[in-house]
Amino acid sequence: MKQKDVPVLQYPWPYEIGPFSQSFYEEQNDWIDTDYQFMSEATRTKYKKHGLVEAASYMFPAASTREQVRPLARFMVWLTLCDDYYELCPVNKFADIRDHIMDIMTGGKPKPDDIGLIRQVALSREEFLPYVNENWLQRWAKSFYNYTTYGIMQETPYKLRKEFPTLSNYLLIREYSIAMYPYGDPVEPSIGYIVPDSISEHPVIRRLKMLMCRIIAIQNDFGSIEKELAVDTEFLNIILIIRNQYKVSLEEAVTEAMNIHDSYVKEFVELQNNLPDFGPHQKNIGRFVHNMALMISGLGEWYHKGQSTRYKTPGEFPKPEYGIPVK
């Protein structure tokens, strides 16, 4: 199956692109060459073409200054490269890495012998500080914990065993491993409003976040299916899982995956249009949920209109390099 043959997922929301979508490529290349030298030069060259800093402006169009966009762009690059690099890292080793990163996210300082990945997340934290409060920082770190613990660390055994999870298990794991819990938290600083903890924990808001994560997970699976059909370590794509579990054709699996995706979109819209009464916060919560929706539609548009070679060009998706000496 070629990427051009995969249906384009549709959304009832518009998409917007922030004013700085092309403004961070030079900085991105400097970040990659300075702090990601634990990766091979060939891999770093590929990442420079992935357009990750551009994706930040598609996903956070409300960010109106370069200073607001910079941590969004930096964190997008950081999360993606971290996820790729540690994809096949044994779970028992990754737990210590997770804990150290969380320490940095909550204010700890990088150690002299830390790889540049740690310096980059420390810089993201510093750049978010003018726009957030301590409660947000704690939630952000907790989101990273959940992403790594219930996402990456649950996926890795399947990849190492070269085994498909069931569809039910996949949906639970991928909800976290897509990394949209920690990358969704910056919606708040991007719109200049930090959601109070009491509202952030409301079942409707939690459900909306879950739906956003699952929608984007399926969106990512659709956007990467050609790439993932070409490798033998990919067992966490919804299309491939449905094909394997129900013994159907690839085309039938695509249709079923789209049905699941569309059911999530329908539920998101219903909840968005019928939010509970949040009193004096109602207008801002409405803006917050709207910008969650724009993350979804914006990322979908980036897959198709952005300049990234990550999914569009064969051979441009780097292989995991954890444990491999740099050449």
C-alpha atoms as a PDB file:
ATOM      1  CA  MET A   1       0.000   0.000   0.000  1.00  0.00           C
ATOM      2  CA  LYS A   2       1.324   3.414  -1.005  1.00  0.00           C
ATOM      3  CA  GLN A   3       0.715   6.514   1.115  1.00  0.00           C
ATOM      4  CA  LYS A   4      -1.199   8.128  -1.746  1.00  0.00           C
ATOM      5  CA  ASP A   5      -3.726   5.270  -1.606  1.00  0.00           C
ATOM      6  CA  VAL A   6      -4.592   5.869   2.058  1.00  0.00           C
ATOM      7  CA  PRO A   7      -7.771   7.938   2.631  1.00  0.00           C
ATOM      8  CA  VAL A   8      -7.333  11.391   4.143  1.00  0.00           C
ATOM      9  CA  LEU A   9      -9.036  11.601   7.532  1.00  0.00           C
ATOM     10  CA  GLN A  10     -11.582  14.401   7.820  1.00  0.00           C
ATOM     11  CA  TYR A  11     -12.450  16.821  10.639  1.00  0.00           C
ATOM     12  CA  PRO A  12     -15.353  19.205  11.259  1.00  0.00           C
ATOM     13  CA  TRP A  13     -12.989  21.928  12.489  1.00  0.00           C
ATOM     14  CA  PRO A  14     -10.973  24.369  10.430  1.00  0.00           C
ATOM     15  CA  TYR A  15      -7.221  24.383  10.622  1.00  0.00           C
ATOM     16  CA  GLU A  16      -5.004  27.379  11.199  1.00  0.00           C
ATOM     17  CA  ILE A  17      -1.277  27.895  10.822  1.00  0.00           C
ATOM     18  CA  GLY A  18       0.552  30.180  13.240  1.00  0.00           C
ATOM     19  CA  PRO A  19       2.690  33.051  11.931  1.00  0.00           C
ATOM     20  CA  PHE A  20       6.064  31.413  12.607  1.00  0.00           C
ATOM     21  CA  SER A  21       5.822  28.097  10.787  1.00  0.00           C
ATOM     22  CA  GLN A  22       9.000  28.749   8.778  1.00  0.00           C
ATOM     23  CA  SER A  23      10.890  30.680  11.443  1.00  0.00           C
ATOM     24  CA  PHE A  24      12.689  27.995  13.443  1.00  0.00           C
ATOM     25  CA  TYR A  25      14.556  25.851  10.939  1.00  0.00           C
ATOM     26  CA  GLU A  26      17.918  27.515  11.587  1.00  0.00           C
ATOM     27  CA  GLU A  27      17.496  27.175  15.352  1.00  0.00           C
ATOM     28  CA  GLN A  28      16.293  23.587  14.961  1.00  0.00           C
ATOM     29  CA  ASN A  29      19.404  22.641  12.992  1.00  0.00           C
ATOM     30  CA  ASP A  30      21.569  24.203  15.682  1.00  0.00           C
ATOM     31  CA  TRP A  31      19.743  22.255  18.425  1.00  0.00           C
ATOM     32  CA  ILE A  32      20.206  19.022  16.500  1.00  0.00           C
ATOM     33  CA  ASP A  33      23.891  19.579  15.749  1.00  0.00           C
ATOM     34  CA  THR A  34      24.681  20.793  19.267  1.00  0.00           C
ATOM     35  CA  ASP A  35      22.691  18.532  21.585  1.00  0.00           C
ATOM     36  CA  TYR A  36      21.858  15.411  19.560  1.00  0.00           C
ATOM     37  CA  GLN A  37      25.366  14.312  18.683  1.00  0.00           C
ATOM     38  CA  PHE A  38      24.713  10.991  20.440  1.00  0.00           C
ATOM     39  CA  MET A  39      22.882  10.213  17.179  1.00  0.00           C
ATOM     40  CA  SER A  40      24.716   9.546  13.931  1.00  0.00           C
ATOM     41  CA  GLU A  41      25.285  12.374  11.487  1.00  0.00           C
ATOM     42  CA  ALA A  42      23.142  10.584   8.890  1.00  0.00           C
ATOM     43  CA  THR A  43      20.240  10.409  11.328  1.00  0.00           C
ATOM     44  CA  ARG A  44      20.621  14.046  12.336  1.00  0.00           C
ATOM     45  CA  THR A  45      20.567  15.050   8.677  1.00  0.00           C
ATOM     46  CA  LYS A  46      17.278  13.207   8.227  1.00  0.00           C
ATOM     47  CA  TYR A  47      15.721  14.915  11.250  1.00  0.00           C
ATOM     48  CA  LYS A  48      16.533  18.354   9.872  1.00  0.00           C
ATOM     49  CA  LYS A  49      14.186  17.571   6.967  1.00  0.00           C
ATOM     50  CA  HIS A  50      11.292  16.338   9.084  1.00  0.00           C
ATOM     51  CA  GLY A  51       9.699  19.738   9.577  1.00  0.00           C
ATOM     52  CA  LEU A  52       9.007  19.174  13.259  1.00  0.00           C
ATOM     53  CA  VAL A  53       9.400  22.854  14.151  1.00  0.00           C
ATOM     54  CA  GLU A  54       6.895  23.652  11.420  1.00  0.00           C
ATOM     55  CA  ALA A  55       4.397  21.212  12.947  1.00  0.00           C
ATOM     56  CA  ALA A  56       4.366  23.290  16.144  1.00  0.00           C
ATOM     57  CA  SER A  57       2.748  26.209  14.290  1.00  0.00           C
ATOM     58  CA  TYR A  58       0.163  23.890  12.727  1.00  0.00           C
ATOM     59  CA  MET A  59      -0.745  22.496  16.156  1.00  0.00           C
ATOM     60  CA  PHE A  60      -0.578  25.687  18.239  1.00  0.00           C
ATOM     61  CA  PRO A  61      -1.796  28.477  15.942  1.00  0.00           C
ATOM     62  CA  ALA A  62      -2.775  30.703  18.878  1.00  0.00           C
ATOM     63  CA  ALA A  63       0.868  31.231  19.921  1.00  0.00           C
ATOM     64  CA  SER A  64       1.424  34.781  18.704  1.00  0.00           C
ATOM     65  CA  THR A  65       5.088  35.533  19.421  1.00  0.00           C
ATOM     66  CA  ARG A  66       8.387  33.806  18.624  1.00  0.00           C
ATOM     67  CA  GLU A  67       9.015  33.484  22.363  1.00  0.00           C
ATOM     68  CA  GLN A  68       5.750  31.563  22.815  1.00  0.00           C
ATOM     69  CA  VAL A  69       6.428  29.311  19.838  1.00  0.00           C
ATOM     70  CA  ARG A  70      10.069  28.484  20.669  1.00  0.00           C
ATOM     71  CA  PRO A  71       9.383  26.030  23.562  1.00  0.00           C
ATOM     72  CA  LEU A  72       6.569  24.449  21.519  1.00  0.00           C
ATOM     73  CA  ALA A  73       8.943  23.887  18.602  1.00  0.00           C
ATOM     74  CA  ARG A  74      11.811  22.746  20.807  1.00  0.00           C
ATOM     75  CA  PHE A  75       9.605  20.326  22.750  1.00  0.00           C
ATOM     76  CA  MET A  76       8.149  18.909  19.515  1.00  0.00           C
ATOM     77  CA  VAL A  77      11.662  18.111  18.274  1.00  0.00           C
ATOM     78  CA  TRP A  78      12.658  16.780  21.687  1.00  0.00           C
ATOM     79  CA  LEU A  79       9.665  14.468  22.153  1.00  0.00           C
ATOM     80  CA  THR A  80       9.960  13.033  18.655  1.00  0.00           C
ATOM     81  CA  LEU A  81      13.696  12.365  18.822  1.00  0.00           C
ATOM     82  CA  CYS A  82      13.429  10.989  22.360  1.00  0.00           C
ATOM     83  CA  ASP A  83      10.636   8.643  21.282  1.00  0.00           C
ATOM     84  CA  ASP A  84      12.542   7.443  18.215  1.00  0.00           C
ATOM     85  CA  TYR A  85      15.871   7.021  19.990  1.00  0.00           C
ATOM     86  CA  TYR A  86      14.563   4.957  22.903  1.00  0.00           C
ATOM     87  CA  GLU A  87      12.066   2.943  20.833  1.00  0.00           C
ATOM     88  CA  LEU A  88      13.807  -0.383  21.507  1.00  0.00           C
ATOM     89  CA  CYS A  89      15.411   0.468  24.854  1.00  0.00           C
ATOM     90  CA  PRO A  90      14.761  -2.330  27.405  1.00  0.00           C
ATOM     91  CA  VAL A  91      12.078  -1.327  29.877  1.00  0.00           C
ATOM     92  CA  ASN A  92      14.232  -1.836  32.978  1.00  0.00           C
ATOM     93  CA  LYS A  93      16.826   0.604  31.624  1.00  0.00           C
ATOM     94  CA  PHE A  94      14.314   3.154  30.410  1.00  0.00           C
ATOM     95  CA  ALA A  95      12.692   3.518  33.847  1.00  0.00           C
ATOM     96  CA  ASP A  96      15.797   5.290  35.194  1.00  0.00           C
ATOM     97  CA  ILE A  97      15.956   7.518  32.104  1.00  0.00           C
ATOM     98  CA  ARG A  98      12.285   8.433  32.594  1.00  0.00           C
ATOM     99  CA  ASP A  99      12.824   9.338  36.239  1.00  0.00           C
ATOM    100  CA  HIS A 100      15.822  11.535  35.450  1.00  0.00           C
ATOM    101  CA  ILE A 101      13.915  13.403  32.738  1.00  0.00           C
ATOM    102  CA  MET A 102      11.009  13.972  35.130  1.00  0.00           C
ATOM    103  CA  ASP A 103      13.441  15.410  37.661  1.00  0.00           C
ATOM    104  CA  ILE A 104      14.585  17.911  35.022  1.00  0.00           C
ATOM    105  CA  MET A 105      10.995  18.761  34.074  1.00  0.00           C
ATOM    106  CA  THR A 106      10.262  19.639  37.704  1.00  0.00           C
ATOM    107  CA  GLY A 107      13.327  21.846  38.144  1.00  0.00           C
ATOM    108  CA  GLY A 108      16.382  19.607  38.490  1.00  0.00           C
ATOM    109  CA  LYS A 109      19.594  20.495  36.684  1.00  0.00           C
ATOM    110  CA  PRO A 110      21.281  18.364  34.004  1.00  0.00           C
ATOM    111  CA  LYS A 111      24.378  16.460  35.109  1.00  0.00           C
ATOM    112  CA  PRO A 112      27.723  17.213  33.440  1.00  0.00           C
ATOM    113  CA  ASP A 113      27.750  13.824  31.718  1.00  0.00           C
ATOM    114  CA  ASP A 114      24.107  13.944  30.532  1.00  0.00           C
ATOM    115  CA  ILE A 115      23.502  13.612  26.808  1.00  0.00           C
ATOM    116  CA  GLY A 116      22.135  16.701  25.075  1.00  0.00           C
ATOM    117  CA  LEU A 117      18.612  15.309  25.166  1.00  0.00           C
ATOM    118  CA  ILE A 118      18.524  16.258  28.849  1.00  0.00           C
ATOM    119  CA  ARG A 119      19.778  19.794  28.183  1.00  0.00           C
ATOM    120  CA  GLN A 120      17.073  20.269  25.582  1.00  0.00           C
ATOM    121  CA  VAL A 121      14.198  19.382  27.903  1.00  0.00           C
ATOM    122  CA  ALA A 122      15.702  21.686  30.541  1.00  0.00           C
ATOM    123  CA  LEU A 123      15.663  24.501  27.969  1.00  0.00           C
ATOM    124  CA  SER A 124      12.030  23.728  27.118  1.00  0.00           C
ATOM    125  CA  ARG A 125      11.155  24.074  30.785  1.00  0.00           C
ATOM    126  CA  GLU A 126      12.975  27.412  31.070  1.00  0.00           C
ATOM    127  CA  GLU A 127      11.187  28.748  28.004  1.00  0.00           C
ATOM    128  CA  PHE A 128       7.755  27.657  29.254  1.00  0.00           C
ATOM    129  CA  LEU A 129       8.265  29.285  32.676  1.00  0.00           C
ATOM    130  CA  PRO A 130       7.011  32.803  31.765  1.00  0.00           C
ATOM    131  CA  TYR A 131       3.683  31.353  30.592  1.00  0.00           C
ATOM    132  CA  VAL A 132       2.854  28.667  33.175  1.00  0.00           C
ATOM    133  CA  ASN A 133       2.558  28.068  36.916  1.00  0.00           C
ATOM    134  CA  GLU A 134       3.808  25.343  39.239  1.00  0.00           C
ATOM    135  CA  ASN A 135       0.604  23.335  38.946  1.00  0.00           C
ATOM    136  CA  TRP A 136       1.013  23.176  35.171  1.00  0.00           C
ATOM    137  CA  LEU A 137       4.647  22.082  35.488  1.00  0.00           C
ATOM    138  CA  GLN A 138       3.635  19.252  37.806  1.00  0.00           C
ATOM    139  CA  ARG A 139       0.892  18.145  35.415  1.00  0.00           C
ATOM    140  CA  TRP A 140       3.305  18.343  32.472  1.00  0.00           C
ATOM    141  CA  ALA A 141       5.796  16.069  34.241  1.00  0.00           C
ATOM    142  CA  LYS A 142       3.004  13.655  35.228  1.00  0.00           C
ATOM    143  CA  SER A 143       1.866  13.540  31.602  1.00  0.00           C
ATOM    144  CA  PHE A 144       5.401  12.593  30.591  1.00  0.00           C
ATOM    145  CA  TYR A 145       5.430   9.866  33.237  1.00  0.00           C
ATOM    146  CA  ASN A 146       2.162   8.448  31.900  1.00  0.00           C
ATOM    147  CA  TYR A 147       3.367   8.654  28.293  1.00  0.00           C
ATOM    148  CA  THR A 148       6.544   6.740  29.047  1.00  0.00           C
ATOM    149  CA  THR A 149       5.177   4.289  31.641  1.00  0.00           C
ATOM    150  CA  TYR A 150       1.837   3.388  30.070  1.00  0.00           C
ATOM    151  CA  GLY A 151       2.893   4.065  26.487  1.00  0.00           C
ATOM    152  CA  ILE A 152       6.514   3.502  25.473  1.00  0.00           C
ATOM    153  CA  MET A 153       7.263   0.940  28.174  1.00  0.00           C
ATOM    154  CA  GLN A 154       4.124  -1.033  27.279  1.00  0.00           C
ATOM    155  CA  GLU A 155       4.883  -0.953  23.546  1.00  0.00           C
ATOM    156  CA  THR A 156       8.518  -2.024  23.752  1.00  0.00           C
ATOM    157  CA  PRO A 157       7.905  -5.695  24.729  1.00  0.00           C
ATOM    158  CA  TYR A 158       5.637  -6.152  21.695  1.00  0.00           C
ATOM    159  CA  LYS A 159       8.288  -4.672  19.426  1.00  0.00           C
ATOM    160  CA  LEU A 160      11.095  -6.749  20.908  1.00  0.00           C
ATOM    161  CA  ARG A 161       8.992  -9.934  20.657  1.00  0.00           C
ATOM    162  CA  LYS A 162       7.729  -8.904  17.207  1.00  0.00           C
ATOM    163  CA  GLU A 163       4.184  -9.524  18.346  1.00  0.00           C
ATOM    164  CA  PHE A 164       0.890  -7.713  17.746  1.00  0.00           C
ATOM    165  CA  PRO A 165      -1.217  -6.625  20.741  1.00  0.00           C
ATOM    166  CA  THR A 166      -4.972  -7.054  20.565  1.00  0.00           C
ATOM    167  CA  LEU A 167      -6.898  -4.061  19.254  1.00  0.00           C
ATOM    168  CA  SER A 168      -8.232  -3.299  22.760  1.00  0.00           C
ATOM    169  CA  ASN A 169      -4.755  -3.353  24.263  1.00  0.00           C
ATOM    170  CA  TYR A 170      -3.401  -1.293  21.389  1.00  0.00           C
ATOM    171  CA  LEU A 171      -5.976   1.479  21.894  1.00  0.00           C
ATOM    172  CA  LEU A 172      -5.099   1.749  25.581  1.00  0.00           C
ATOM    173  CA  ILE A 173      -1.347   1.735  25.015  1.00  0.00           C
ATOM    174  CA  ARG A 174      -1.307   3.991  21.967  1.00  0.00           C
ATOM    175  CA  GLU A 175      -3.420   6.581  23.767  1.00  0.00           C
ATOM    176  CA  TYR A 176      -0.329   7.199  25.886  1.00  0.00           C
ATOM    177  CA  SER A 177       2.525   6.321  23.529  1.00  0.00           C
ATOM    178  CA  ILE A 178       1.490   8.886  20.913  1.00  0.00           C
ATOM    179  CA  ALA A 179       2.869  11.454  23.440  1.00  0.00           C
ATOM    180  CA  MET A 180      -0.077  13.815  23.061  1.00  0.00           C
ATOM    181  CA  TYR A 181      -0.711  13.986  26.788  1.00  0.00           C
ATOM    182  CA  PRO A 182       2.571  15.836  27.424  1.00  0.00           C
ATOM    183  CA  TYR A 183       2.457  17.604  24.056  1.00  0.00           C
ATOM    184  CA  GLY A 184      -1.183  18.579  24.571  1.00  0.00           C
ATOM    185  CA  ASP A 185      -0.447  20.317  27.880  1.00  0.00           C
ATOM    186  CA  PRO A 186       1.220  23.280  26.078  1.00  0.00           C
ATOM    187  CA  VAL A 187      -2.138  24.241  24.545  1.00  0.00           C
ATOM    188  CA  GLU A 188      -2.603  26.193  27.774  1.00  0.00           C
ATOM    189  CA  PRO A 189       0.479  28.456  27.547  1.00  0.00           C
ATOM    190  CA  SER A 190      -0.141  28.830  23.800  1.00  0.00           C
ATOM    191  CA  ILE A 191      -3.522  30.492  24.503  1.00  0.00           C
ATOM    192  CA  GLY A 192      -2.383  32.373  27.615  1.00  0.00           C
ATOM    193  CA  TYR A 193      -4.654  30.474  29.997  1.00  0.00           C
ATOM    194  CA  ILE A 194      -3.727  27.780  32.522  1.00  0.00           C
ATOM    195  CA  VAL A 195      -6.629  25.453  33.280  1.00  0.00           C
ATOM    196  CA  PRO A 196      -7.232  25.136  37.049  1.00  0.00           C
ATOM    197  CA  ASP A 197      -6.451  21.677  38.416  1.00  0.00           C
ATOM    198  CA  SER A 198     -10.057  21.167  39.519  1.00  0.00           C
ATOM    199  CA  ILE A 199     -11.262  21.638  35.924  1.00  0.00           C
ATOM    200  CA  SER A 200      -8.340  19.757  34.374  1.00  0.00           C
ATOM    201  CA  GLU A 201      -9.454  16.718  36.404  1.00  0.00           C
ATOM    202  CA  HIS A 202     -13.113  17.021  35.399  1.00  0.00           C
ATOM    203  CA  PRO A 203     -14.288  13.797  33.679  1.00  0.00           C
ATOM    204  CA  VAL A 204     -15.388  15.665  30.548  1.00  0.00           C
ATOM    205  CA  ILE A 205     -12.018  17.397  30.141  1.00  0.00           C
ATOM    206  CA  ARG A 206     -10.181  14.138  30.801  1.00  0.00           C
ATOM    207  CA  ARG A 207     -12.359  12.384  28.228  1.00  0.00           C
ATOM    208  CA  LEU A 208     -11.709  15.105  25.650  1.00  0.00           C
ATOM    209  CA  LYS A 209      -7.964  14.715  26.189  1.00  0.00           C
ATOM    210  CA  MET A 210      -8.261  10.960  25.802  1.00  0.00           C
ATOM    211  CA  LEU A 211     -10.205  11.369  22.562  1.00  0.00           C
ATOM    212  CA  MET A 212      -7.643  13.858  21.249  1.00  0.00           C
ATOM    213  CA  CYS A 213      -4.845  11.370  21.960  1.00  0.00           C
ATOM    214  CA  ARG A 214      -6.629   8.454  20.302  1.00  0.00           C
ATOM    215  CA  ILE A 215      -7.665  10.487  17.261  1.00  0.00           C
ATOM    216  CA  ILE A 216      -4.102  11.710  16.747  1.00  0.00           C
ATOM    217  CA  ALA A 217      -2.749   8.187  17.291  1.00  0.00           C
ATOM    218  CA  ILE A 218      -4.909   6.846  14.460  1.00  0.00           C
ATOM    219  CA  GLN A 219      -4.067   9.909  12.370  1.00  0.00           C
ATOM    220  CA  ASN A 220      -0.378   9.092  12.851  1.00  0.00           C
ATOM    221  CA  ASP A 221      -0.942   5.453  11.917  1.00  0.00           C
ATOM    222  CA  PHE A 222      -2.639   6.497   8.685  1.00  0.00           C
ATOM    223  CA  GLY A 223       0.155   8.957   7.939  1.00  0.00           C
ATOM    224  CA  SER A 224       2.898   6.378   8.442  1.00  0.00           C
ATOM    225  CA  ILE A 225       1.408   3.155   7.060  1.00  0.00           C
ATOM    226  CA  GLU A 226       3.654   2.928   3.973  1.00  0.00           C
ATOM    227  CA  LYS A 227       6.747   3.451   6.131  1.00  0.00           C
ATOM    228  CA  GLU A 228       5.600   0.898   8.693  1.00  0.00           C
ATOM    229  CA  LEU A 229       4.745  -1.768   6.141  1.00  0.00           C
ATOM    230  CA  ALA A 230       8.400  -1.611   5.073  1.00  0.00           C
ATOM    231  CA  VAL A 231       9.949  -2.411   8.503  1.00  0.00           C
ATOM    232  CA  ASP A 232       9.851  -5.585  10.573  1.00  0.00           C
ATOM    233  CA  THR A 233       9.703  -3.985  14.030  1.00  0.00           C
ATOM    234  CA  GLU A 234       6.351  -2.218  13.609  1.00  0.00           C
ATOM    235  CA  PHE A 235       3.510  -3.970  15.388  1.00  0.00           C
ATOM    236  CA  LEU A 236       1.696  -0.954  16.828  1.00  0.00           C
ATOM    237  CA  ASN A 237      -0.193   0.410  13.829  1.00  0.00           C
ATOM    238  CA  ILE A 238      -3.975   0.106  14.093  1.00  0.00           C
ATOM    239  CA  ILE A 239      -4.350  -0.894  10.446  1.00  0.00           C
ATOM    240  CA  LEU A 240      -1.863  -3.736  10.770  1.00  0.00           C
ATOM    241  CA  ILE A 241      -3.370  -4.864  14.072  1.00  0.00           C
ATOM    242  CA  ILE A 242      -6.905  -5.026  12.647  1.00  0.00           C
ATOM    243  CA  ARG A 243      -5.643  -6.927   9.608  1.00  0.00           C
ATOM    244  CA  ASN A 244      -3.821  -9.420  11.824  1.00  0.00           C
ATOM    245  CA  GLN A 245      -6.523  -9.886  14.465  1.00  0.00           C
ATOM    246  CA  TYR A 246      -9.538 -10.163  12.179  1.00  0.00           C
ATOM    247  CA  LYS A 247      -7.778 -11.733   9.163  1.00  0.00           C
ATOM    248  CA  VAL A 248      -9.098  -9.119   6.755  1.00  0.00           C
ATOM    249  CA  SER A 249      -7.522  -7.348   3.793  1.00  0.00           C
ATOM    250  CA  LEU A 250      -5.458  -4.216   4.229  1.00  0.00           C
ATOM    251  CA  GLU A 251      -8.229  -2.196   2.577  1.00  0.00           C
ATOM    252  CA  GLU A 252     -10.850  -3.606   4.970  1.00  0.00           C
ATOM    253  CA  ALA A 253      -8.574  -2.846   7.922  1.00  0.00           C
ATOM    254  CA  VAL A 254      -8.237   0.765   6.720  1.00  0.00           C
ATOM    255  CA  THR A 255     -12.029   1.099   6.590  1.00  0.00           C
ATOM    256  CA  GLU A 256     -12.485  -0.285  10.109  1.00  0.00           C
ATOM    257  CA  ALA A 257      -9.713   1.935  11.498  1.00  0.00           C
ATOM    258  CA  MET A 258     -11.400   4.943   9.890  1.00  0.00           C
ATOM    259  CA  ASN A 259     -14.714   3.985  11.490  1.00  0.00           C
ATOM    260  CA  ILE A 260     -13.075   3.896  14.939  1.00  0.00           C
ATOM    261  CA  HIS A 261     -11.401   7.248  14.261  1.00  0.00           C
ATOM    262  CA  ASP A 262     -14.649   8.845  13.096  1.00  0.00           C
ATOM    263  CA  SER A 263     -16.530   7.595  16.159  1.00  0.00           C
ATOM    264  CA  TYR A 264     -13.963   9.322  18.369  1.00  0.00           C
ATOM    265  CA  VAL A 265     -14.286  12.554  16.369  1.00  0.00           C
ATOM    266  CA  LYS A 266     -18.089  12.429  16.711  1.00  0.00           C
ATOM    267  CA  GLU A 267     -17.828  12.014  20.489  1.00  0.00           C
ATOM    268  CA  PHE A 268     -15.309  14.855  20.757  1.00  0.00           C
ATOM    269  CA  VAL A 269     -17.681  17.192  18.897  1.00  0.00           C
ATOM    270  CA  GLU A 270     -20.648  16.191  21.076  1.00  0.00           C
ATOM    271  CA  LEU A 271     -18.697  16.880  24.267  1.00  0.00           C
ATOM    272  CA  GLN A 272     -17.244  20.116  22.870  1.00  0.00           C
ATOM    273  CA  ASN A 273     -20.731  21.374  22.023  1.00  0.00           C
ATOM    274  CA  ASN A 274     -22.151  20.423  25.432  1.00  0.00           C
ATOM    275  CA  LEU A 275     -19.530  21.392  27.998  1.00  0.00           C
ATOM    276  CA  PRO A 276     -20.528  21.462  31.668  1.00  0.00           C
ATOM    277  CA  ASP A 277     -20.973  24.806  33.398  1.00  0.00           C
ATOM    278  CA  PHE A 278     -17.515  25.917  34.509  1.00  0.00           C
ATOM    279  CA  GLY A 279     -18.749  29.262  35.834  1.00  0.00           C
ATOM    280  CA  PRO A 280     -16.346  32.172  35.334  1.00  0.00           C
ATOM    281  CA  HIS A 281     -13.956  29.858  33.456  1.00  0.00           C
ATOM    282  CA  GLN A 282     -16.510  28.914  30.795  1.00  0.00           C
ATOM    283  CA  LYS A 283     -15.190  31.158  28.009  1.00  0.00           C
ATOM    284  CA  ASN A 284     -11.573  30.165  28.579  1.00  0.00           C
ATOM    285  CA  ILE A 285     -12.414  26.459  28.781  1.00  0.00           C
ATOM    286  CA  GLY A 286     -14.255  26.816  25.499  1.00  0.00           C
ATOM    287  CA  ARG A 287     -11.105  28.370  23.990  1.00  0.00           C
ATOM    288  CA  PHE A 288      -9.000  25.602  25.472  1.00  0.00           C
ATOM    289  CA  VAL A 289     -11.147  22.826  24.005  1.00  0.00           C
ATOM    290  CA  HIS A 290     -11.320  24.618  20.658  1.00  0.00           C
ATOM    291  CA  ASN A 291      -7.534  24.759  20.532  1.00  0.00           C
ATOM    292  CA  MET A 292      -7.331  21.066  21.395  1.00  0.00           C
ATOM    293  CA  ALA A 293      -9.464  20.491  18.312  1.00  0.00           C
ATOM    294  CA  LEU A 294      -7.140  22.722  16.269  1.00  0.00           C
ATOM    295  CA  MET A 295      -4.219  20.530  17.347  1.00  0.00           C
ATOM    296  CA  ILE A 296      -5.958  17.595  15.691  1.00  0.00           C
ATOM    297  CA  SER A 297      -6.945  19.328  12.456  1.00  0.00           C
ATOM    298  CA  GLY A 298      -3.628  21.191  12.279  1.00  0.00           C
ATOM    299  CA  LEU A 299      -1.527  18.070  12.623  1.00  0.00           C
ATOM    300  CA  GLY A 300      -3.681  16.334  10.031  1.00  0.00           C
ATOM    301  CA  GLU A 301      -3.011  19.182   7.627  1.00  0.00           C
ATOM    302  CA  TRP A 302       0.729  19.132   8.381  1.00  0.00           C
ATOM    303  CA  TYR A 303       0.928  15.486   7.356  1.00  0.00           C
ATOM    304  CA  HIS A 304      -0.358  16.407   3.915  1.00  0.00           C
ATOM    305  CA  LYS A 305       0.775  19.991   3.322  1.00  0.00           C
ATOM    306  CA  GLY A 306       3.851  20.399   5.486  1.00  0.00           C
ATOM    307  CA  GLN A 307       7.385  20.134   4.150  1.00  0.00           C
ATOM    308  CA  SER A 308       8.312  17.081   6.228  1.00  0.00           C
ATOM    309  CA  THR A 309      10.052  14.122   4.607  1.00  0.00           C
ATOM    310  CA  ARG A 310       9.386  11.996   7.716  1.00  0.00           C
ATOM    311  CA  TYR A 311       6.528  10.022   6.196  1.00  0.00           C
ATOM    312  CA  LYS A 312       6.567  11.101   2.570  1.00  0.00           C
ATOM    313  CA  THR A 313      10.024  10.054   1.414  1.00  0.00           C
ATOM    314  CA  PRO A 314      11.154   6.409   1.515  1.00  0.00           C
ATOM    315  CA  GLY A 315      14.306   5.921   3.575  1.00  0.00           C
ATOM    316  CA  GLU A 316      13.985   9.231   5.430  1.00  0.00           C
ATOM    317  CA  PHE A 317      12.650   7.710   8.662  1.00  0.00           C
ATOM    318  CA  PRO A 318      15.639   7.015  10.981  1.00  0.00           C
ATOM    319  CA  LYS A 319      16.129   3.643  12.590  1.00  0.00           C
ATOM    320  CA  PRO A 320      16.323   3.491  16.422  1.00  0.00           C
ATOM    321  CA  GLU A 321      19.934   4.046  17.529  1.00  0.00           C
ATOM    322  CA  TYR A 322      19.823   3.395  21.272  1.00  0.00           C
ATOM    323  CA  GLY A 323      22.835   1.249  22.182  1.00  0.00           C
ATOM    324  CA  ILE A 324      24.471   1.676  18.773  1.00  0.00           C
ATOM    325  CA  PRO A 325      27.883   3.446  18.736  1.00  0.00           C
ATOM    326  CA  VAL A 326      27.782   6.753  16.882  1.00  0.00           C
ATOM    327  CA  LYS A 327      29.598   6.736  13.544  1.00  0.00           C
END
